[in-house]
Amino acid sequence: MFNANFQIIKTAMDVAMLRQNVHAQNVANAETPGYKRKYVVFEELLQESLKLQLSNTNKSHIQRVQQPVQPQVKQEEAFFYKNDESGVDIDFEISQMTANGLRYEVLSRLMSKNIEFYNIVLRSV
């Protein structure tokens, strides 16, 4: 019933929410000695996945089933901002949280518009 936009926007919103949680965790542990900053990898994995898709030159070829790309939480290993070996730059994390929050707001509005368009179509039937 719904088009692919719903799944794409939902996935993007899920990744944005995961990023927000990871940034919040980094901020909460900014003063923890030895804490290593975490970050979310998704867009890079999505690009790799798209590059690996095979094009079919004949419709009788076997279709490759594409697995959905899942975001991954990774940890910075060897970079520290302070002498106590904390790997969190609080200013960077806050700026990333702000940018991510704005991204989530845009995605939320896109989802609302998609739902609104479907409601218009359903009411006109």
N, C-alpha and C. Protein backbone atom coordinates (compact mmCIF):
# COMPACT_ATOMS: atom_id res chain seq x y z
N MET A 1 0.82 -1.19 0.00
CA MET A 1 0.00 0.00 0.00
C MET A 1 0.87 1.26 0.00
N PHE A 2 1.87 1.31 0.86
CA PHE A 2 2.70 2.50 0.94
C PHE A 2 3.88 2.36 -0.03
N ASN A 3 4.39 3.50 -0.47
CA ASN A 3 5.53 3.46 -1.37
C ASN A 3 6.84 3.33 -0.58
N ALA A 4 7.94 3.28 -1.30
CA ALA A 4 9.24 3.07 -0.67
C ALA A 4 9.66 4.24 0.21
N ASN A 5 9.08 5.42 -0.02
CA ASN A 5 9.45 6.59 0.80
C ASN A 5 9.25 6.33 2.28
N PHE A 6 8.19 5.64 2.63
CA PHE A 6 7.92 5.39 4.05
C PHE A 6 9.05 4.59 4.69
N GLN A 7 9.50 3.55 4.02
CA GLN A 7 10.57 2.72 4.58
C GLN A 7 11.89 3.48 4.63
N ILE A 8 12.18 4.24 3.58
CA ILE A 8 13.43 5.01 3.53
C ILE A 8 13.45 6.05 4.64
N ILE A 9 12.35 6.79 4.78
CA ILE A 9 12.29 7.83 5.81
C ILE A 9 12.33 7.20 7.20
N LYS A 10 11.63 6.08 7.39
CA LYS A 10 11.64 5.40 8.69
C LYS A 10 13.05 4.96 9.06
N THR A 11 13.77 4.38 8.11
CA THR A 11 15.13 3.94 8.36
C THR A 11 16.03 5.14 8.70
N ALA A 12 15.89 6.21 7.94
CA ALA A 12 16.69 7.41 8.21
C ALA A 12 16.38 7.98 9.59
N MET A 13 15.10 7.94 9.99
CA MET A 13 14.72 8.43 11.32
C MET A 13 15.30 7.52 12.41
N ASP A 14 15.28 6.22 12.18
CA ASP A 14 15.85 5.28 13.15
C ASP A 14 17.35 5.52 13.33
N VAL A 15 18.05 5.75 12.21
CA VAL A 15 19.50 6.01 12.28
C VAL A 15 19.75 7.33 13.02
N ALA A 16 18.95 8.35 12.73
CA ALA A 16 19.10 9.64 13.42
C ALA A 16 18.87 9.48 14.92
N MET A 17 17.89 8.69 15.30
CA MET A 17 17.61 8.47 16.72
C MET A 17 18.77 7.72 17.39
N LEU A 18 19.31 6.72 16.70
CA LEU A 18 20.46 5.99 17.23
C LEU A 18 21.64 6.94 17.40
N ARG A 19 21.87 7.79 16.40
CA ARG A 19 22.97 8.76 16.50
C ARG A 19 22.77 9.69 17.70
N GLN A 20 21.54 10.14 17.90
CA GLN A 20 21.26 11.04 19.02
C GLN A 20 21.59 10.35 20.35
N ASN A 21 21.22 9.09 20.46
CA ASN A 21 21.51 8.33 21.68
C ASN A 21 23.01 8.14 21.88
N VAL A 22 23.74 7.88 20.80
CA VAL A 22 25.19 7.69 20.90
C VAL A 22 25.87 9.01 21.29
N HIS A 23 25.44 10.13 20.69
CA HIS A 23 26.01 11.43 21.06
C HIS A 23 25.71 11.74 22.52
N ALA A 24 24.50 11.45 22.97
CA ALA A 24 24.14 11.69 24.37
C ALA A 24 25.00 10.85 25.31
N GLN A 25 25.26 9.61 24.91
CA GLN A 25 26.12 8.75 25.71
C GLN A 25 27.54 9.30 25.76
N ASN A 26 28.02 9.83 24.64
CA ASN A 26 29.35 10.43 24.61
C ASN A 26 29.42 11.65 25.54
N VAL A 27 28.39 12.50 25.49
CA VAL A 27 28.36 13.69 26.35
C VAL A 27 28.32 13.27 27.82
N ALA A 28 27.51 12.28 28.13
CA ALA A 28 27.39 11.82 29.52
C ALA A 28 28.71 11.26 30.05
N ASN A 29 29.54 10.74 29.16
CA ASN A 29 30.81 10.15 29.58
C ASN A 29 32.02 11.03 29.26
N ALA A 30 31.79 12.30 28.98
CA ALA A 30 32.88 13.21 28.59
C ALA A 30 33.95 13.33 29.67
N GLU A 31 33.55 13.19 30.92
CA GLU A 31 34.51 13.32 32.02
C GLU A 31 34.99 11.97 32.54
N THR A 32 34.61 10.91 31.89
CA THR A 32 35.01 9.57 32.33
C THR A 32 36.40 9.25 31.78
N PRO A 33 37.38 9.09 32.66
CA PRO A 33 38.74 8.76 32.19
C PRO A 33 38.75 7.44 31.41
N GLY A 34 39.40 7.45 30.28
CA GLY A 34 39.53 6.25 29.48
C GLY A 34 38.36 5.95 28.57
N TYR A 35 37.28 6.77 28.64
CA TYR A 35 36.12 6.53 27.78
C TYR A 35 36.49 6.84 26.33
N LYS A 36 36.11 5.97 25.45
CA LYS A 36 36.38 6.16 24.02
C LYS A 36 35.09 6.53 23.31
N ARG A 37 35.17 7.60 22.55
CA ARG A 37 34.01 8.13 21.82
C ARG A 37 33.44 7.07 20.88
N LYS A 38 32.11 7.03 20.82
CA LYS A 38 31.41 6.13 19.90
C LYS A 38 30.77 6.96 18.80
N TYR A 39 30.54 6.32 17.66
CA TYR A 39 29.89 6.99 16.53
C TYR A 39 29.13 5.96 15.71
N VAL A 40 28.21 6.45 14.88
CA VAL A 40 27.36 5.58 14.08
C VAL A 40 27.82 5.62 12.62
N VAL A 41 27.96 4.45 12.03
CA VAL A 41 28.31 4.33 10.62
C VAL A 41 27.08 3.77 9.90
N PHE A 42 26.60 4.51 8.92
CA PHE A 42 25.47 4.02 8.14
C PHE A 42 25.61 4.38 6.67
N GLU A 43 25.81 5.66 6.38
CA GLU A 43 25.84 6.11 4.99
C GLU A 43 26.93 5.40 4.19
N GLU A 44 28.08 5.19 4.82
CA GLU A 44 29.18 4.51 4.15
C GLU A 44 28.80 3.06 3.81
N LEU A 45 28.13 2.41 4.75
CA LEU A 45 27.69 1.03 4.51
C LEU A 45 26.64 0.98 3.41
N LEU A 46 25.76 1.97 3.38
CA LEU A 46 24.73 2.05 2.35
C LEU A 46 25.37 2.24 0.97
N GLN A 47 26.36 3.12 0.88
CA GLN A 47 27.06 3.33 -0.39
C GLN A 47 27.74 2.05 -0.86
N GLU A 48 28.41 1.36 0.04
CA GLU A 48 29.06 0.09 -0.33
C GLU A 48 28.04 -0.91 -0.84
N SER A 49 26.90 -0.98 -0.16
CA SER A 49 25.85 -1.90 -0.55
C SER A 49 25.33 -1.59 -1.96
N LEU A 50 25.17 -0.31 -2.24
CA LEU A 50 24.68 0.09 -3.56
C LEU A 50 25.70 -0.20 -4.65
N LYS A 51 26.97 -0.07 -4.34
CA LYS A 51 28.02 -0.37 -5.31
C LYS A 51 28.05 -1.85 -5.64
N LEU A 52 27.69 -2.69 -4.65
CA LEU A 52 27.77 -4.13 -4.84
C LEU A 52 26.59 -4.72 -5.60
N GLN A 53 25.55 -3.91 -5.80
CA GLN A 53 24.39 -4.44 -6.51
C GLN A 53 24.78 -4.78 -7.94
N LEU A 54 24.37 -5.93 -8.35
CA LEU A 54 24.69 -6.37 -9.70
C LEU A 54 23.56 -5.99 -10.64
N SER A 55 23.93 -5.58 -11.82
CA SER A 55 22.88 -5.29 -12.80
C SER A 55 22.61 -6.56 -13.60
N ASN A 56 21.34 -6.79 -13.85
CA ASN A 56 20.94 -7.96 -14.62
C ASN A 56 20.83 -7.57 -16.08
N THR A 57 21.55 -8.29 -16.91
CA THR A 57 21.49 -8.00 -18.34
C THR A 57 20.39 -8.81 -19.02
N ASN A 58 19.87 -9.78 -18.31
CA ASN A 58 18.83 -10.62 -18.87
C ASN A 58 17.82 -10.90 -17.77
N LYS A 59 16.53 -10.79 -18.09
CA LYS A 59 15.50 -10.96 -17.05
C LYS A 59 15.43 -12.39 -16.51
N SER A 60 16.07 -13.35 -17.19
CA SER A 60 16.07 -14.71 -16.68
C SER A 60 17.21 -14.96 -15.69
N HIS A 61 18.08 -13.97 -15.51
CA HIS A 61 19.16 -14.12 -14.52
C HIS A 61 18.58 -14.15 -13.11
N ILE A 62 19.31 -14.79 -12.24
CA ILE A 62 18.89 -14.87 -10.84
C ILE A 62 18.98 -13.48 -10.22
N GLN A 63 17.90 -13.08 -9.56
CA GLN A 63 17.89 -11.78 -8.89
C GLN A 63 18.65 -11.88 -7.58
N ARG A 64 19.54 -10.95 -7.35
CA ARG A 64 20.28 -10.90 -6.09
C ARG A 64 19.39 -10.27 -5.03
N VAL A 65 19.21 -10.95 -3.92
CA VAL A 65 18.39 -10.42 -2.85
C VAL A 65 19.25 -9.48 -2.02
N GLN A 66 18.83 -8.23 -1.95
CA GLN A 66 19.59 -7.23 -1.22
C GLN A 66 19.15 -7.21 0.23
N GLN A 67 20.09 -7.44 1.13
CA GLN A 67 19.79 -7.39 2.56
C GLN A 67 19.75 -5.92 2.99
N PRO A 68 18.82 -5.57 3.88
CA PRO A 68 18.78 -4.18 4.34
C PRO A 68 20.05 -3.84 5.11
N VAL A 69 20.53 -2.64 4.91
CA VAL A 69 21.74 -2.18 5.58
C VAL A 69 21.37 -1.73 6.99
N GLN A 70 22.14 -2.20 7.96
CA GLN A 70 21.90 -1.85 9.35
C GLN A 70 23.01 -0.90 9.83
N PRO A 71 22.65 0.12 10.60
CA PRO A 71 23.69 1.01 11.14
C PRO A 71 24.55 0.26 12.16
N GLN A 72 25.79 0.69 12.29
CA GLN A 72 26.70 0.08 13.24
C GLN A 72 27.26 1.16 14.16
N VAL A 73 27.35 0.84 15.45
CA VAL A 73 27.98 1.73 16.41
C VAL A 73 29.43 1.29 16.55
N LYS A 74 30.34 2.22 16.26
CA LYS A 74 31.77 1.93 16.34
C LYS A 74 32.39 2.81 17.41
N GLN A 75 33.61 2.48 17.74
CA GLN A 75 34.31 3.20 18.80
C GLN A 75 35.66 3.70 18.27
N GLU A 76 35.97 4.97 18.53
CA GLU A 76 37.28 5.49 18.17
C GLU A 76 38.31 4.84 19.08
N GLU A 77 39.38 4.38 18.50
CA GLU A 77 40.33 3.61 19.29
C GLU A 77 41.48 4.42 19.87
N ALA A 78 42.13 5.25 19.08
CA ALA A 78 43.40 5.80 19.54
C ALA A 78 43.44 7.32 19.65
N PHE A 79 42.30 7.99 19.61
CA PHE A 79 42.32 9.45 19.62
C PHE A 79 41.74 9.96 20.94
N PHE A 80 42.52 10.79 21.65
CA PHE A 80 42.07 11.34 22.92
C PHE A 80 42.19 12.86 22.89
N TYR A 81 41.18 13.53 23.47
CA TYR A 81 41.18 14.98 23.50
C TYR A 81 41.81 15.55 24.76
N LYS A 82 41.85 14.78 25.82
CA LYS A 82 42.34 15.28 27.10
C LYS A 82 43.41 14.36 27.66
N ASN A 83 44.13 14.88 28.66
CA ASN A 83 45.19 14.09 29.28
C ASN A 83 44.66 12.87 30.04
N ASP A 84 43.41 12.91 30.47
CA ASP A 84 42.86 11.76 31.21
C ASP A 84 42.42 10.65 30.26
N GLU A 85 42.79 10.78 28.99
CA GLU A 85 42.47 9.81 27.95
C GLU A 85 40.98 9.68 27.69
N SER A 86 40.26 10.78 27.85
CA SER A 86 38.85 10.81 27.44
C SER A 86 38.81 11.17 25.97
N GLY A 87 38.06 10.41 25.20
CA GLY A 87 38.02 10.61 23.76
C GLY A 87 36.86 11.46 23.30
N VAL A 88 36.32 12.33 24.16
CA VAL A 88 35.12 13.10 23.81
C VAL A 88 35.44 14.59 23.81
N ASP A 89 35.14 15.24 22.69
CA ASP A 89 35.18 16.70 22.60
C ASP A 89 33.74 17.17 22.74
N ILE A 90 33.42 17.76 23.88
CA ILE A 90 32.04 18.10 24.21
C ILE A 90 31.44 19.06 23.19
N ASP A 91 32.23 20.03 22.70
CA ASP A 91 31.73 20.99 21.71
C ASP A 91 31.34 20.29 20.41
N PHE A 92 32.18 19.36 19.98
CA PHE A 92 31.89 18.61 18.76
C PHE A 92 30.62 17.78 18.93
N GLU A 93 30.49 17.12 20.05
CA GLU A 93 29.31 16.27 20.30
C GLU A 93 28.03 17.10 20.31
N ILE A 94 28.07 18.26 20.97
CA ILE A 94 26.88 19.11 21.02
C ILE A 94 26.51 19.62 19.63
N SER A 95 27.51 20.01 18.84
CA SER A 95 27.21 20.47 17.48
C SER A 95 26.64 19.33 16.63
N GLN A 96 27.16 18.13 16.81
CA GLN A 96 26.64 16.97 16.08
C GLN A 96 25.21 16.64 16.51
N MET A 97 24.94 16.76 17.81
CA MET A 97 23.58 16.51 18.31
C MET A 97 22.60 17.52 17.72
N THR A 98 23.02 18.78 17.63
CA THR A 98 22.15 19.83 17.07
C THR A 98 21.87 19.55 15.60
N ALA A 99 22.91 19.25 14.83
CA ALA A 99 22.73 18.96 13.40
C ALA A 99 21.86 17.73 13.21
N ASN A 100 22.07 16.71 14.02
CA ASN A 100 21.29 15.49 13.93
C ASN A 100 19.83 15.74 14.31
N GLY A 101 19.61 16.57 15.31
CA GLY A 101 18.24 16.92 15.71
C GLY A 101 17.50 17.63 14.59
N LEU A 102 18.18 18.52 13.90
CA LEU A 102 17.57 19.21 12.75
C LEU A 102 17.26 18.23 11.62
N ARG A 103 18.17 17.30 11.39
CA ARG A 103 17.95 16.27 10.37
C ARG A 103 16.71 15.44 10.70
N TYR A 104 16.58 15.07 11.99
CA TYR A 104 15.43 14.28 12.42
C TYR A 104 14.14 15.07 12.23
N GLU A 105 14.18 16.37 12.53
CA GLU A 105 12.99 17.20 12.36
C GLU A 105 12.56 17.27 10.89
N VAL A 106 13.51 17.40 9.98
CA VAL A 106 13.20 17.42 8.55
C VAL A 106 12.60 16.08 8.13
N LEU A 107 13.19 14.99 8.59
CA LEU A 107 12.66 13.66 8.25
C LEU A 107 11.26 13.47 8.79
N SER A 108 11.01 13.97 9.99
CA SER A 108 9.69 13.88 10.58
C SER A 108 8.65 14.64 9.75
N ARG A 109 9.04 15.81 9.28
CA ARG A 109 8.13 16.59 8.42
C ARG A 109 7.88 15.89 7.09
N LEU A 110 8.92 15.27 6.53
CA LEU A 110 8.74 14.51 5.29
C LEU A 110 7.76 13.36 5.50
N MET A 111 7.89 12.66 6.62
CA MET A 111 6.98 11.56 6.91
C MET A 111 5.55 12.08 7.05
N SER A 112 5.39 13.19 7.74
CA SER A 112 4.05 13.77 7.91
C SER A 112 3.45 14.15 6.56
N LYS A 113 4.25 14.72 5.68
CA LYS A 113 3.75 15.09 4.34
C LYS A 113 3.35 13.86 3.56
N ASN A 114 4.14 12.79 3.64
CA ASN A 114 3.78 11.55 2.94
C ASN A 114 2.44 11.02 3.45
N ILE A 115 2.25 11.02 4.75
CA ILE A 115 0.99 10.55 5.33
C ILE A 115 -0.16 11.46 4.90
N GLU A 116 0.11 12.75 4.88
CA GLU A 116 -0.91 13.72 4.45
C GLU A 116 -1.33 13.46 3.01
N PHE A 117 -0.38 13.17 2.13
CA PHE A 117 -0.70 12.88 0.73
C PHE A 117 -1.58 11.63 0.62
N TYR A 118 -1.27 10.60 1.38
CA TYR A 118 -2.10 9.40 1.36
C TYR A 118 -3.50 9.69 1.90
N ASN A 119 -3.60 10.50 2.91
CA ASN A 119 -4.93 10.87 3.44
C ASN A 119 -5.74 11.61 2.40
N ILE A 120 -5.11 12.49 1.64
CA ILE A 120 -5.81 13.23 0.57
C ILE A 120 -6.34 12.25 -0.45
N VAL A 121 -5.51 11.31 -0.84
CA VAL A 121 -5.93 10.31 -1.84
C VAL A 121 -7.08 9.47 -1.29
N LEU A 122 -6.98 9.04 -0.06
CA LEU A 122 -8.03 8.19 0.52
C LEU A 122 -9.35 8.94 0.66
N ARG A 123 -9.30 10.21 0.99
CA ARG A 123 -10.53 10.99 1.15
C ARG A 123 -11.21 11.26 -0.20
N SER A 124 -10.41 11.29 -1.27
CA SER A 124 -10.97 11.60 -2.59
C SER A 124 -11.55 10.37 -3.28
N VAL A 125 -11.35 9.21 -2.70
CA VAL A 125 -11.84 7.97 -3.32
C VAL A 125 -13.29 7.75 -2.98
